[in-house]
PDB file of N, CA and C in Angstrom:
ATOM      1  N   MET A   1      -6.063  14.645   8.711  1.00  0.00           N
ATOM      2  CA  MET A   1      -5.756  13.668   7.718  1.00  0.00           C
ATOM      3  C   MET A   1      -5.648  12.364   8.065  1.00  0.00           C
ATOM      4  N   MET A   2      -4.883  11.892   9.015  1.00  0.00           N
ATOM      5  CA  MET A   2      -4.828  10.429   9.508  1.00  0.00           C
ATOM      6  C   MET A   2      -5.311  10.497  10.909  1.00  0.00           C
ATOM      7  N   GLN A   3      -5.643   9.596  11.546  1.00  0.00           N
ATOM      8  CA  GLN A   3      -6.108   9.348  12.682  1.00  0.00           C
ATOM      9  C   GLN A   3      -5.341   8.835  13.952  1.00  0.00           C
ATOM     10  N   ASN A   4      -4.027   8.335  13.306  1.00  0.00           N
ATOM     11  CA  ASN A   4      -2.999   7.709  13.932  1.00  0.00           C
ATOM     12  C   ASN A   4      -1.839   8.676  14.305  1.00  0.00           C
ATOM     13  N   PRO A   5      -1.522   8.956  15.537  1.00  0.00           N
ATOM     14  CA  PRO A   5      -0.348   9.890  15.566  1.00  0.00           C
ATOM     15  C   PRO A   5       1.008   9.461  14.964  1.00  0.00           C
ATOM     16  N   HIS A   6       1.119   8.247  14.656  1.00  0.00           N
ATOM     17  CA  HIS A   6       2.235   7.650  13.701  1.00  0.00           C
ATOM     18  C   HIS A   6       1.857   7.534  12.303  1.00  0.00           C
ATOM     19  N   GLY A   7       0.911   8.348  11.739  1.00  0.00           N
ATOM     20  CA  GLY A   7       0.362   8.105  10.415  1.00  0.00           C
ATOM     21  C   GLY A   7       1.386   8.540   9.344  1.00  0.00           C
ATOM     22  N   LEU A   8       2.319   9.359   9.474  1.00  0.00           N
ATOM     23  CA  LEU A   8       3.232   9.580   8.555  1.00  0.00           C
ATOM     24  C   LEU A   8       4.194   8.295   8.233  1.00  0.00           C
ATOM     25  N   GLN A   9       4.574   7.770   9.493  1.00  0.00           N
ATOM     26  CA  GLN A   9       5.527   6.656   9.478  1.00  0.00           C
ATOM     27  C   GLN A   9       4.829   5.375   8.741  1.00  0.00           C
ATOM     28  N   VAL A  10       3.558   5.264   9.072  1.00  0.00           N
ATOM     29  CA  VAL A  10       2.625   4.176   8.533  1.00  0.00           C
ATOM     30  C   VAL A  10       2.609   4.555   7.039  1.00  0.00           C
ATOM     31  N   LEU A  11       2.332   5.547   6.656  1.00  0.00           N
ATOM     32  CA  LEU A  11       2.220   5.962   5.193  1.00  0.00           C
ATOM     33  C   LEU A  11       3.582   5.591   4.340  1.00  0.00           C
ATOM     34  N   VAL A  12       4.579   5.997   4.957  1.00  0.00           N
ATOM     35  CA  VAL A  12       5.901   5.986   4.177  1.00  0.00           C
ATOM     36  C   VAL A  12       6.317   4.197   4.140  1.00  0.00           C
ATOM     37  N   LEU A  13       5.841   3.620   5.308  1.00  0.00           N
ATOM     38  CA  LEU A  13       6.037   2.170   5.046  1.00  0.00           C
ATOM     39  C   LEU A  13       5.147   1.419   3.983  1.00  0.00           C
ATOM     40  N   VAL A  14       3.765   1.900   3.906  1.00  0.00           N
ATOM     41  CA  VAL A  14       2.908   1.441   2.906  1.00  0.00           C
ATOM     42  C   VAL A  14       3.331   1.775   1.396  1.00  0.00           C
ATOM     43  N   LEU A  15       4.088   3.097   1.358  1.00  0.00           N
ATOM     44  CA  LEU A  15       4.621   3.398   0.029  1.00  0.00           C
ATOM     45  C   LEU A  15       5.706   2.707  -0.219  1.00  0.00           C
ATOM     46  N   ALA A  16       6.539   2.453   0.690  1.00  0.00           N
ATOM     47  CA  ALA A  16       7.923   1.322   0.409  1.00  0.00           C
ATOM     48  C   ALA A  16       7.357   0.094   0.235  1.00  0.00           C
ATOM     49  N   ALA A  17       6.272  -0.321   0.650  1.00  0.00           N
ATOM     50  CA  ALA A  17       5.994  -1.768   0.586  1.00  0.00           C
ATOM     51  C   ALA A  17       5.599  -1.854  -0.937  1.00  0.00           C
ATOM     52  N   VAL A  18       4.724  -0.844  -1.310  1.00  0.00           N
ATOM     53  CA  VAL A  18       4.242  -0.725  -2.725  1.00  0.00           C
ATOM     54  C   VAL A  18       5.281  -0.877  -3.805  1.00  0.00           C
ATOM     55  N   LEU A  19       6.480  -0.199  -3.390  1.00  0.00           N
ATOM     56  CA  LEU A  19       7.450  -0.119  -4.461  1.00  0.00           C
ATOM     57  C   LEU A  19       8.291  -1.434  -4.381  1.00  0.00           C
ATOM     58  N   VAL A  20       8.456  -2.053  -3.357  1.00  0.00           N
ATOM     59  CA  VAL A  20       9.114  -3.260  -3.197  1.00  0.00           C
ATOM     60  C   VAL A  20       8.334  -4.435  -3.807  1.00  0.00           C
ATOM     61  N   LEU A  21       7.024  -4.371  -3.719  1.00  0.00           N
ATOM     62  CA  LEU A  21       6.073  -5.349  -4.142  1.00  0.00           C
ATOM     63  C   LEU A  21       5.772  -5.316  -5.753  1.00  0.00           C
ATOM     64  N   THR A  22       5.914  -3.924  -6.139  1.00  0.00           N
ATOM     65  CA  THR A  22       5.841  -3.776  -7.424  1.00  0.00           C
ATOM     66  C   THR A  22       7.218  -4.427  -8.336  1.00  0.00           C
ATOM     67  N   TRP A  23       8.392  -4.086  -7.666  1.00  0.00           N
ATOM     68  CA  TRP A  23       9.488  -4.554  -8.261  1.00  0.00           C
ATOM     69  C   TRP A  23       9.693  -6.196  -8.135  1.00  0.00           C
ATOM     70  N   LEU A  24       9.009  -6.670  -7.027  1.00  0.00           N
ATOM     71  CA  LEU A  24       9.154  -8.030  -6.957  1.00  0.00           C
ATOM     72  C   LEU A  24       8.156  -8.817  -8.042  1.00  0.00           C
ATOM     73  N   ALA A  25       6.992  -8.121  -8.279  1.00  0.00           N
ATOM     74  CA  ALA A  25       6.171  -8.617  -9.104  1.00  0.00           C
ATOM     75  C   ALA A  25       6.728  -8.647 -10.634  1.00  0.00           C
ATOM     76  N   ARG A  26       7.452  -7.481 -10.997  1.00  0.00           N
ATOM     77  CA  ARG A  26       8.213  -7.607 -12.357  1.00  0.00           C
ATOM     78  C   ARG A  26       9.319  -8.787 -12.312  1.00  0.00           C
ATOM     79  N   ARG A  27       9.738  -8.913 -11.254  1.00  0.00           N
ATOM     80  CA  ARG A  27      10.890 -10.050 -11.089  1.00  0.00           C
ATOM     81  C   ARG A  27      10.468 -11.366 -11.209  1.00  0.00           C
ATOM     82  N   LEU A  28       9.211 -11.615 -10.930  1.00  0.00           N
ATOM     83  CA  LEU A  28       8.606 -12.882 -10.888  1.00  0.00           C
ATOM     84  C   LEU A  28       7.714 -12.960 -12.093  1.00  0.00           C
ATOM     85  N   ARG A  29       7.663 -11.934 -12.867  1.00  0.00           N
ATOM     86  CA  ARG A  29       6.777 -11.853 -14.074  1.00  0.00           C
ATOM     87  C   ARG A  29       5.361 -12.263 -13.693  1.00  0.00           C
ATOM     88  N   VAL A  30       4.772 -11.786 -12.734  1.00  0.00           N
ATOM     89  CA  VAL A  30       3.301 -11.837 -12.231  1.00  0.00           C
ATOM     90  C   VAL A  30       2.757 -10.293 -12.298  1.00  0.00           C
ATOM     91  N   ALA A  31       1.543 -10.398 -12.660  1.00  0.00           N
ATOM     92  CA  ALA A  31       0.839  -9.001 -12.663  1.00  0.00           C
ATOM     93  C   ALA A  31       0.994  -8.325 -11.253  1.00  0.00           C
ATOM     94  N   PRO A  32       1.387  -7.138 -11.357  1.00  0.00           N
ATOM     95  CA  PRO A  32       1.617  -6.420  -9.871  1.00  0.00           C
ATOM     96  C   PRO A  32       0.333  -6.314  -9.191  1.00  0.00           C
ATOM     97  N   PRO A  33      -0.778  -6.184  -9.594  1.00  0.00           N
ATOM     98  CA  PRO A  33      -2.148  -6.002  -8.579  1.00  0.00           C
ATOM     99  C   PRO A  33      -2.121  -7.267  -7.851  1.00  0.00           C
ATOM    100  N   ILE A  34      -1.762  -8.469  -8.212  1.00  0.00           N
ATOM    101  CA  ILE A  34      -1.702  -9.641  -7.649  1.00  0.00           C
ATOM    102  C   ILE A  34      -0.824  -9.724  -6.394  1.00  0.00           C
ATOM    103  N   VAL A  35       0.491  -9.331  -6.539  1.00  0.00           N
ATOM    104  CA  VAL A  35       1.273  -9.218  -5.522  1.00  0.00           C
ATOM    105  C   VAL A  35       0.825  -8.300  -4.702  1.00  0.00           C
ATOM    106  N   LEU A  36       0.512  -6.910  -5.075  1.00  0.00           N
ATOM    107  CA  LEU A  36       0.159  -5.952  -4.217  1.00  0.00           C
ATOM    108  C   LEU A  36      -0.962  -6.259  -3.257  1.00  0.00           C
ATOM    109  N   LEU A  37      -2.010  -7.103  -3.972  1.00  0.00           N
ATOM    110  CA  LEU A  37      -3.184  -7.621  -2.827  1.00  0.00           C
ATOM    111  C   LEU A  37      -2.603  -8.470  -1.894  1.00  0.00           C
ATOM    112  N   LEU A  38      -1.681  -9.614  -2.426  1.00  0.00           N
ATOM    113  CA  LEU A  38      -1.416 -10.478  -1.286  1.00  0.00           C
ATOM    114  C   LEU A  38      -0.321  -9.726  -0.213  1.00  0.00           C
ATOM    115  N   GLY A  39       0.502  -8.637  -0.736  1.00  0.00           N
ATOM    116  CA  GLY A  39       1.031  -7.959   0.255  1.00  0.00           C
ATOM    117  C   GLY A  39       0.387  -7.092   1.181  1.00  0.00           C
ATOM    118  N   GLY A  40      -0.754  -6.559   0.645  1.00  0.00           N
ATOM    119  CA  GLY A  40      -1.651  -5.809   1.600  1.00  0.00           C
ATOM    120  C   GLY A  40      -2.573  -6.574   2.485  1.00  0.00           C
ATOM    121  N   VAL A  41      -3.001  -7.725   2.079  1.00  0.00           N
ATOM    122  CA  VAL A  41      -3.444  -8.835   3.062  1.00  0.00           C
ATOM    123  C   VAL A  41      -2.369  -9.145   4.219  1.00  0.00           C
ATOM    124  N   LEU A  42      -1.196  -9.150   3.891  1.00  0.00           N
ATOM    125  CA  LEU A  42      -0.117  -9.476   4.823  1.00  0.00           C
ATOM    126  C   LEU A  42      -0.041  -8.672   5.854  1.00  0.00           C
ATOM    127  N   LEU A  43       0.059  -7.183   5.263  1.00  0.00           N
ATOM    128  CA  LEU A  43       0.173  -6.269   6.164  1.00  0.00           C
ATOM    129  C   LEU A  43      -1.008  -5.899   6.844  1.00  0.00           C
ATOM    130  N   ALA A  44      -2.192  -6.338   6.516  1.00  0.00           N
ATOM    131  CA  ALA A  44      -3.512  -5.958   7.224  1.00  0.00           C
ATOM    132  C   ALA A  44      -3.323  -6.873   8.529  1.00  0.00           C
ATOM    133  N   PHE A  45      -2.723  -8.150   8.436  1.00  0.00           N
ATOM    134  CA  PHE A  45      -2.720  -9.123   9.576  1.00  0.00           C
ATOM    135  C   PHE A  45      -1.640  -8.787  10.520  1.00  0.00           C
ATOM    136  N   ALA A  46      -0.671  -7.863  10.369  1.00  0.00           N
ATOM    137  CA  ALA A  46       0.432  -7.243  11.122  1.00  0.00           C
ATOM    138  C   ALA A  46      -0.315  -6.800  12.447  1.00  0.00           C
ATOM    139  N   PRO A  47       0.417  -7.101  13.452  1.00  0.00           N
ATOM    140  CA  PRO A  47      -0.408  -6.614  14.892  1.00  0.00           C
ATOM    141  C   PRO A  47      -0.375  -4.921  15.001  1.00  0.00           C
ATOM    142  N   TRP A  48       0.604  -4.328  14.547  1.00  0.00           N
ATOM    143  CA  TRP A  48       0.752  -2.907  14.829  1.00  0.00           C
ATOM    144  C   TRP A  48       0.084  -2.228  13.773  1.00  0.00           C
ATOM    145  N   MET A  49      -0.634  -2.803  12.814  1.00  0.00           N
ATOM    146  CA  MET A  49      -1.378  -2.405  11.633  1.00  0.00           C
ATOM    147  C   MET A  49      -2.667  -2.102  12.061  1.00  0.00           C
ATOM    148  N   ARG A  50      -3.352  -2.718  13.262  1.00  0.00           N
ATOM    149  CA  ARG A  50      -4.546  -2.897  13.420  1.00  0.00           C
ATOM    150  C   ARG A  50      -5.240  -1.474  14.018  1.00  0.00           C
ATOM    151  N   GLY A  51      -4.602  -0.598  14.481  1.00  0.00           N
ATOM    152  CA  GLY A  51      -5.083   0.578  15.210  1.00  0.00           C
ATOM    153  C   GLY A  51      -5.054   1.668  13.984  1.00  0.00           C
ATOM    154  N   VAL A  52      -4.559   1.301  12.760  1.00  0.00           N
ATOM    155  CA  VAL A  52      -4.172   2.563  11.648  1.00  0.00           C
ATOM    156  C   VAL A  52      -5.531   2.592  10.957  1.00  0.00           C
ATOM    157  N   LEU A  53      -5.932   3.862  10.784  1.00  0.00           N
ATOM    158  CA  LEU A  53      -7.189   4.203  10.083  1.00  0.00           C
ATOM    159  C   LEU A  53      -6.679   5.386   9.007  1.00  0.00           C
ATOM    160  N   LEU A  54      -7.048   5.042   7.695  1.00  0.00           N
ATOM    161  CA  LEU A  54      -6.670   6.204   6.840  1.00  0.00           C
ATOM    162  C   LEU A  54      -8.128   6.657   6.201  1.00  0.00           C
ATOM    163  N   SER A  55      -8.061   7.914   6.118  1.00  0.00           N
ATOM    164  CA  SER A  55      -9.165   8.838   5.790  1.00  0.00           C
ATOM    165  C   SER A  55      -9.275   8.414   4.066  1.00  0.00           C
ATOM    166  N   PRO A  56     -10.375   8.653   3.815  1.00  0.00           N
ATOM    167  CA  PRO A  56     -10.865   8.427   2.245  1.00  0.00           C
ATOM    168  C   PRO A  56     -10.015   9.472   1.445  1.00  0.00           C
ATOM    169  N   GLY A  57      -9.689  10.693   1.850  1.00  0.00           N
ATOM    170  CA  GLY A  57      -8.867  11.573   1.417  1.00  0.00           C
ATOM    171  C   GLY A  57      -7.574  10.994   0.964  1.00  0.00           C
ATOM    172  N   VAL A  58      -6.979  10.353   1.788  1.00  0.00           N
ATOM    173  CA  VAL A  58      -5.434  10.065   1.663  1.00  0.00           C
ATOM    174  C   VAL A  58      -5.496   8.710   0.591  1.00  0.00           C
ATOM    175  N   VAL A  59      -6.443   7.920   0.543  1.00  0.00           N
ATOM    176  CA  VAL A  59      -6.626   6.969  -0.345  1.00  0.00           C
ATOM    177  C   VAL A  59      -6.902   7.504  -1.857  1.00  0.00           C
ATOM    178  N   LEU A  60      -7.724   8.551  -1.932  1.00  0.00           N
ATOM    179  CA  LEU A  60      -8.065   9.162  -3.226  1.00  0.00           C
ATOM    180  C   LEU A  60      -6.791   9.862  -3.701  1.00  0.00           C
ATOM    181  N   LEU A  61      -6.077  10.653  -2.807  1.00  0.00           N
ATOM    182  CA  LEU A  61      -5.102  11.345  -3.282  1.00  0.00           C
ATOM    183  C   LEU A  61      -3.771  10.709  -3.883  1.00  0.00           C
ATOM    184  N   LEU A  62      -3.463   9.583  -2.900  1.00  0.00           N
ATOM    185  CA  LEU A  62      -2.114   8.895  -2.970  1.00  0.00           C
ATOM    186  C   LEU A  62      -2.111   7.516  -3.587  1.00  0.00           C
ATOM    187  N   PHE A  63      -3.169   6.513  -3.126  1.00  0.00           N
ATOM    188  CA  PHE A  63      -3.132   5.339  -3.860  1.00  0.00           C
ATOM    189  C   PHE A  63      -3.967   5.121  -4.849  1.00  0.00           C
ATOM    190  N   LEU A  64      -4.950   5.706  -5.327  1.00  0.00           N
ATOM    191  CA  LEU A  64      -6.147   5.440  -6.462  1.00  0.00           C
ATOM    192  C   LEU A  64      -5.198   5.988  -7.759  1.00  0.00           C
ATOM    193  N   PRO A  65      -4.546   7.037  -7.584  1.00  0.00           N
ATOM    194  CA  PRO A  65      -4.095   7.470  -8.994  1.00  0.00           C
ATOM    195  C   PRO A  65      -3.037   6.527  -9.312  1.00  0.00           C
ATOM    196  N   ALA A  66      -2.249   6.012  -8.502  1.00  0.00           N
ATOM    197  CA  ALA A  66      -1.217   4.943  -8.808  1.00  0.00           C
ATOM    198  C   ALA A  66      -1.810   3.854  -9.485  1.00  0.00           C
ATOM    199  N   LEU A  67      -2.952   3.422  -8.899  1.00  0.00           N
ATOM    200  CA  LEU A  67      -3.507   2.285  -9.562  1.00  0.00           C
ATOM    201  C   LEU A  67      -4.382   2.366 -10.732  1.00  0.00           C
ATOM    202  N   LEU A  68      -4.706   3.599 -10.988  1.00  0.00           N
ATOM    203  CA  LEU A  68      -5.483   3.894 -12.247  1.00  0.00           C
ATOM    204  C   LEU A  68      -4.675   4.149 -13.492  1.00  0.00           C
ATOM    205  N   PHE A  69      -3.360   4.728 -13.030  1.00  0.00           N
ATOM    206  CA  PHE A  69      -2.442   4.972 -14.297  1.00  0.00           C
ATOM    207  C   PHE A  69      -1.243   3.957 -14.290  1.00  0.00           C
ATOM    208  N   SER A  70      -1.353   2.712 -13.775  1.00  0.00           N
ATOM    209  CA  SER A  70      -0.413   1.889 -13.912  1.00  0.00           C
ATOM    210  C   SER A  70      -0.412   1.460 -15.543  1.00  0.00           C
ATOM    211  N   ARG A  71       0.767   1.198 -15.968  1.00  0.00           N
ATOM    212  CA  ARG A  71       0.899   0.760 -17.491  1.00  0.00           C
ATOM    213  C   ARG A  71       0.459  -0.700 -17.643  1.00  0.00           C
ATOM    214  N   ARG A  72       0.401  -1.604 -16.612  1.00  0.00           N
ATOM    215  CA  ARG A  72      -0.024  -3.048 -16.956  1.00  0.00           C
ATOM    216  C   ARG A  72      -1.445  -3.098 -16.642  1.00  0.00           C
TER     217      ARG A  72
END
């Protein structure tokens, strides 16, 4: 599923970041995709995230449905 041995930890961190960033977007009254995009860019530049590779199946099963069925 994931190529990194610490993949579950990374997945939990990313999901927690999504929750926090969505909450922050609502507090700031900004569209959540904008805040999620900025948060994703910041996470991508973290040095410990460089070796993380997610398979397309993880993206399709976990992240895409949340984006498609968001209410905003």
